[in-house]
Amino acid sequence: MVANVVTASPEALSPHAIKVLDLLTNRYHVGVIEATSAAGMQVVLPASSHLHAGQRVKFIVAGEQPLVVFKPSGVDYVSLRPEDLVVTDLDGRVVEGSLRPSSDLDTHTLLYREFPQIGGVVHTHSEFATAWAQACRPIPFLGTTHADYFHGPVPVTEPLSEAEVKEGYVRNTGAVIVRRFRKENLDPIALPGVLVAGHAPFAWGRSAMEAVEHADVLEYIARLAFRSVLLGAAEAGLPAHVGEYHYQRKHGPKATYGQNK
């Protein structure tokens, strides 16, 4: 079902990431994942130790029904075995596995359906990003570190309504994210993360390692912004022309960052 995987250096990964990759290697005969293979498979890995909630593994196999592989609910990484992983389709129907998938299943599958250009989602309760989410405030666009990864402030959703909570809290968590992006015509590739008001951050990317990297960066820029605001930084933030330059030099059509491929 799964083959031809691009490998990455394991020393760049956290112990938790390596643990899940080992499980996947044993179960699906694949290697360490960094990018999409020719077969079109992508995987979401757990990130560094502070990314401690809602970590998932996702497969997309070209030419076949897309599948999502989740860590089961309530099973600790230390005791996680290959046979514990739960495979579902994009509607959340279990196609393999005897355990219940994570309670966040419906949020993740909705994001995969609504943002087809993303290949991985990481949900955390990292300290500083969660603080901004609990304050219901976007992370302001204050510096070039932010601009290297996010093309503007990190958005925050509206709070879920009472009706949305009663109707389906987990699914509607994804719905408020999508609504925020649709309302402002935001690009989920240019803004690879969001704060759910009163809750915590979600981050994503086009590939496995990109989703992990964005979750790490989101926490880092949340911490920088918190400290900068304490020091009196104006939330008007970075001059637009500086932010645009830094984002485009890395992600634009004439990007100068990195090596030619």
Protein backbone atom coordinates (compact mmCIF):
# COMPACT_ATOMS: atom_id res chain seq x y z
CA MET A 1 0.00 0.00 0.00
CA VAL A 2 2.85 2.42 0.78
CA ALA A 3 6.32 2.61 -0.73
CA ASN A 4 9.08 4.82 -2.12
CA VAL A 5 9.66 7.19 0.76
CA VAL A 6 12.22 10.01 0.87
CA THR A 7 14.40 9.71 3.95
CA ALA A 8 15.58 12.39 6.38
CA SER A 9 18.33 12.61 8.94
CA PRO A 10 17.06 11.08 12.22
CA GLU A 11 19.26 13.34 14.33
CA ALA A 12 17.06 16.26 13.22
CA LEU A 13 14.03 14.65 14.85
CA SER A 14 12.84 14.53 18.43
CA PRO A 15 12.74 11.23 20.36
CA HIS A 16 8.95 11.17 19.98
CA ALA A 17 9.21 11.64 16.22
CA ILE A 18 11.76 8.85 15.95
CA LYS A 19 9.52 6.58 18.05
CA VAL A 20 6.58 6.99 15.69
CA LEU A 21 8.80 6.73 12.61
CA ASP A 22 10.18 3.44 13.95
CA LEU A 23 6.61 2.21 14.37
CA LEU A 24 5.77 3.19 10.83
CA THR A 25 8.91 1.57 9.51
CA ASN A 26 7.94 -1.69 11.18
CA ARG A 27 4.33 -1.55 10.08
CA TYR A 28 4.49 -0.19 6.54
CA HIS A 29 8.12 -0.92 5.56
CA VAL A 30 8.88 2.76 5.06
CA GLY A 31 11.81 4.92 6.11
CA VAL A 32 12.13 8.24 7.89
CA ILE A 33 9.95 10.84 6.15
CA GLU A 34 10.89 14.34 5.13
CA ALA A 35 9.10 15.03 1.85
CA THR A 36 6.62 13.67 -0.65
CA SER A 37 7.77 10.65 -2.64
CA ALA A 38 7.07 9.98 -6.29
CA ALA A 39 4.17 7.80 -5.13
CA GLY A 40 2.61 10.84 -3.47
CA MET A 41 2.81 9.72 0.17
CA GLN A 42 3.04 12.25 2.97
CA VAL A 43 3.36 11.74 6.72
CA VAL A 44 2.81 14.00 9.71
CA LEU A 45 5.23 13.44 12.58
CA PRO A 46 5.13 14.48 16.20
CA ALA A 47 7.51 17.35 16.81
CA SER A 48 9.72 18.45 19.66
CA SER A 49 8.88 17.80 23.28
CA HIS A 50 6.84 20.96 23.86
CA LEU A 51 4.47 19.93 21.05
CA HIS A 52 2.68 17.56 23.29
CA ALA A 53 -0.93 17.34 22.19
CA GLY A 54 -2.80 16.24 19.12
CA GLN A 55 0.12 14.85 17.16
CA ARG A 56 -0.87 12.78 14.14
CA VAL A 57 0.50 10.72 11.29
CA LYS A 58 -1.11 11.09 7.87
CA PHE A 59 -0.69 9.14 4.64
CA ILE A 60 -1.84 10.16 1.19
CA VAL A 61 -1.21 7.50 -1.45
CA ALA A 62 -1.45 8.72 -5.02
CA GLY A 63 -4.15 7.05 -7.06
CA GLU A 64 -5.92 5.56 -4.06
CA GLN A 65 -8.42 6.66 -1.44
CA PRO A 66 -6.59 9.09 0.86
CA LEU A 67 -6.02 7.64 4.31
CA VAL A 68 -5.08 9.15 7.64
CA VAL A 69 -3.07 7.28 10.28
CA PHE A 70 -3.69 8.47 13.82
CA LYS A 71 -2.19 7.79 17.16
CA PRO A 72 -4.94 6.13 19.25
CA SER A 73 -6.61 8.11 21.99
CA GLY A 74 -4.97 7.95 25.40
CA VAL A 75 -2.07 5.67 24.43
CA ASP A 76 1.28 6.98 25.63
CA TYR A 77 4.21 7.14 23.22
CA VAL A 78 6.29 4.96 25.49
CA SER A 79 3.86 2.06 25.16
CA LEU A 80 2.73 2.73 21.57
CA ARG A 81 3.05 -0.26 19.26
CA PRO A 82 2.70 -0.47 15.46
CA GLU A 83 -0.54 -2.40 15.76
CA ASP A 84 -2.02 0.38 17.92
CA LEU A 85 -2.11 2.91 15.08
CA VAL A 86 -5.55 3.61 13.64
CA VAL A 87 -6.19 4.13 9.91
CA THR A 88 -9.23 6.14 8.80
CA ASP A 89 -10.47 7.70 5.57
CA LEU A 90 -10.92 11.46 5.21
CA ASP A 91 -14.44 11.19 6.62
CA GLY A 92 -13.09 9.62 9.81
CA ARG A 93 -14.31 6.09 9.16
CA VAL A 94 -11.94 3.51 10.61
CA VAL A 95 -10.57 1.20 7.94
CA GLU A 96 -7.93 -0.51 10.06
CA GLY A 97 -7.18 -0.82 13.76
CA SER A 98 -9.02 -1.95 16.88
CA LEU A 99 -8.47 1.13 19.08
CA ARG A 100 -10.29 4.46 19.03
CA PRO A 101 -8.43 7.19 17.11
CA SER A 102 -7.62 10.48 18.78
CA SER A 103 -10.52 12.59 19.96
CA ASP A 104 -9.32 15.33 17.56
CA LEU A 105 -10.01 13.16 14.51
CA ASP A 106 -12.85 15.26 13.10
CA THR A 107 -10.85 18.51 13.29
CA HIS A 108 -7.95 17.06 11.36
CA THR A 109 -9.98 15.31 8.67
CA LEU A 110 -12.00 18.48 8.06
CA LEU A 111 -8.80 20.49 7.56
CA TYR A 112 -7.48 17.90 5.10
CA ARG A 113 -10.73 18.05 3.15
CA GLU A 114 -11.02 21.84 3.10
CA PHE A 115 -7.33 22.64 2.55
CA PRO A 116 -6.33 20.01 -0.04
CA GLN A 117 -2.96 21.66 -0.60
CA ILE A 118 -1.75 20.73 2.90
CA GLY A 119 -0.10 17.42 3.63
CA GLY A 120 0.19 17.47 7.39
CA VAL A 121 -1.37 18.94 10.53
CA VAL A 122 0.14 19.32 14.00
CA HIS A 123 -1.97 20.44 16.97
CA THR A 124 -0.25 21.49 20.18
CA HIS A 125 -0.82 23.26 23.45
CA SER A 126 2.62 24.89 23.45
CA GLU A 127 2.90 27.57 26.10
CA PHE A 128 3.22 30.93 24.36
CA ALA A 129 1.09 30.18 21.30
CA THR A 130 -1.63 28.89 23.61
CA ALA A 131 -1.39 32.08 25.69
CA TRP A 132 -2.12 34.19 22.60
CA ALA A 133 -5.00 31.84 21.73
CA GLN A 134 -6.44 32.13 25.22
CA ALA A 135 -6.19 35.92 24.97
CA CYS A 136 -8.08 35.66 21.65
CA ARG A 137 -5.39 37.78 20.02
CA PRO A 138 -3.55 37.24 16.74
CA ILE A 139 0.21 37.05 16.95
CA PRO A 140 1.37 40.41 15.57
CA PHE A 141 3.75 40.65 12.63
CA LEU A 142 6.66 42.18 14.52
CA GLY A 143 9.89 40.97 12.99
CA THR A 144 11.77 39.28 10.21
CA THR A 145 11.85 35.91 11.98
CA HIS A 146 8.06 35.90 11.75
CA ALA A 147 8.16 37.10 8.13
CA ASP A 148 10.43 34.25 7.08
CA TYR A 149 7.59 31.79 7.70
CA PHE A 150 4.23 33.62 7.94
CA HIS A 151 2.99 36.14 5.38
CA GLY A 152 1.34 38.33 8.00
CA PRO A 153 0.01 38.05 11.55
CA VAL A 154 -0.92 34.59 12.78
CA PRO A 155 -4.73 34.73 12.71
CA VAL A 156 -7.05 33.84 15.56
CA THR A 157 -10.49 32.35 15.04
CA GLU A 158 -13.77 33.51 16.50
CA PRO A 159 -14.85 31.57 19.60
CA LEU A 160 -17.15 28.64 18.96
CA SER A 161 -20.77 29.50 19.60
CA GLU A 162 -22.83 27.60 22.13
CA ALA A 163 -24.69 25.94 19.27
CA GLU A 164 -21.42 24.88 17.59
CA VAL A 165 -20.14 23.34 20.82
CA LYS A 166 -23.37 21.39 21.32
CA GLU A 167 -23.64 20.34 17.69
CA GLY A 168 -20.10 19.01 17.38
CA TYR A 169 -17.22 20.65 19.21
CA VAL A 170 -14.39 18.79 17.52
CA ARG A 171 -15.67 19.13 13.96
CA ASN A 172 -16.62 22.76 14.49
CA THR A 173 -13.13 23.52 15.79
CA GLY A 174 -12.02 22.77 12.25
CA ALA A 175 -14.98 24.71 10.86
CA VAL A 176 -14.06 27.94 12.68
CA ILE A 177 -10.51 27.64 11.33
CA VAL A 178 -11.77 27.24 7.79
CA ARG A 179 -14.29 30.07 8.24
CA ARG A 180 -11.53 32.42 9.42
CA PHE A 181 -9.46 31.69 6.32
CA ARG A 182 -12.40 31.91 3.93
CA LYS A 183 -13.69 35.18 5.43
CA GLU A 184 -10.39 37.00 4.88
CA ASN A 185 -9.36 35.04 1.79
CA LEU A 186 -6.25 33.80 3.58
CA ASP A 187 -3.88 31.34 1.95
CA PRO A 188 -3.15 28.33 4.20
CA ILE A 189 0.23 27.89 2.53
CA ALA A 190 1.28 31.50 3.15
CA LEU A 191 -0.16 31.39 6.69
CA PRO A 192 0.60 27.83 7.80
CA GLY A 193 -0.99 28.04 11.23
CA VAL A 194 -3.80 29.50 13.29
CA LEU A 195 -4.85 30.10 16.88
CA VAL A 196 -8.22 28.71 17.92
CA ALA A 197 -9.73 31.26 20.30
CA GLY A 198 -9.64 30.08 23.91
CA HIS A 199 -7.99 26.84 22.86
CA ALA A 200 -4.57 26.44 21.24
CA PRO A 201 -2.63 26.52 17.96
CA PHE A 202 -2.86 24.34 14.88
CA ALA A 203 -0.09 24.29 12.27
CA TRP A 204 0.24 22.55 8.93
CA GLY A 205 2.41 22.29 5.84
CA ARG A 206 2.65 20.80 2.39
CA SER A 207 4.86 18.01 3.67
CA ALA A 208 5.51 16.12 6.86
CA MET A 209 8.57 17.96 8.04
CA GLU A 210 7.16 21.33 6.99
CA ALA A 211 4.15 20.85 9.27
CA VAL A 212 6.44 20.02 12.18
CA GLU A 213 8.72 22.95 11.40
CA HIS A 214 5.79 25.37 11.29
CA ALA A 215 4.49 24.15 14.65
CA ASP A 216 7.91 24.78 16.17
CA VAL A 217 8.25 28.18 14.50
CA LEU A 218 4.75 29.19 15.59
CA GLU A 219 5.65 28.64 19.23
CA TYR A 220 8.94 30.48 18.80
CA ILE A 221 7.43 33.58 17.20
CA ALA A 222 4.64 33.53 19.81
CA ARG A 223 7.31 33.72 22.52
CA LEU A 224 9.20 36.47 20.68
CA ALA A 225 6.03 38.49 20.18
CA PHE A 226 5.02 38.14 23.84
CA ARG A 227 8.38 39.45 25.00
CA SER A 228 8.50 42.18 22.36
CA VAL A 229 5.07 43.48 23.37
CA LEU A 230 6.18 43.50 27.02
CA LEU A 231 9.14 45.64 25.96
CA GLY A 232 6.79 48.10 24.31
CA ALA A 233 6.78 46.99 20.67
CA ALA A 234 3.94 48.57 18.73
CA GLU A 235 1.54 45.92 17.46
CA ALA A 236 1.44 47.76 14.13
CA GLY A 237 4.60 45.75 13.73
CA LEU A 238 7.15 45.36 10.99
CA PRO A 239 7.03 47.85 8.08
CA ALA A 240 5.14 46.19 5.25
CA HIS A 241 7.96 46.52 2.73
CA VAL A 242 10.44 44.77 5.08
CA GLY A 243 8.05 41.94 5.88
CA GLU A 244 7.20 41.46 2.21
CA TYR A 245 10.88 41.31 1.26
CA HIS A 246 11.70 38.69 3.87
CA TYR A 247 8.73 36.49 3.02
CA GLN A 248 9.26 36.69 -0.74
CA ARG A 249 13.01 36.05 -0.57
CA LYS A 250 12.19 32.67 0.90
CA HIS A 251 8.84 31.77 -0.67
CA GLY A 252 8.30 34.03 -3.68
CA PRO A 253 8.72 33.22 -7.39
CA LYS A 254 12.18 34.81 -7.33
CA ALA A 255 13.27 33.45 -3.96
CA THR A 256 16.96 33.87 -3.22
CA TYR A 257 17.12 31.79 -0.04
CA GLY A 258 18.68 28.34 -0.25
CA GLN A 259 20.16 26.47 -3.19
CA ASN A 260 18.84 25.94 -6.70
CA LYS A 261 17.06 22.63 -7.06
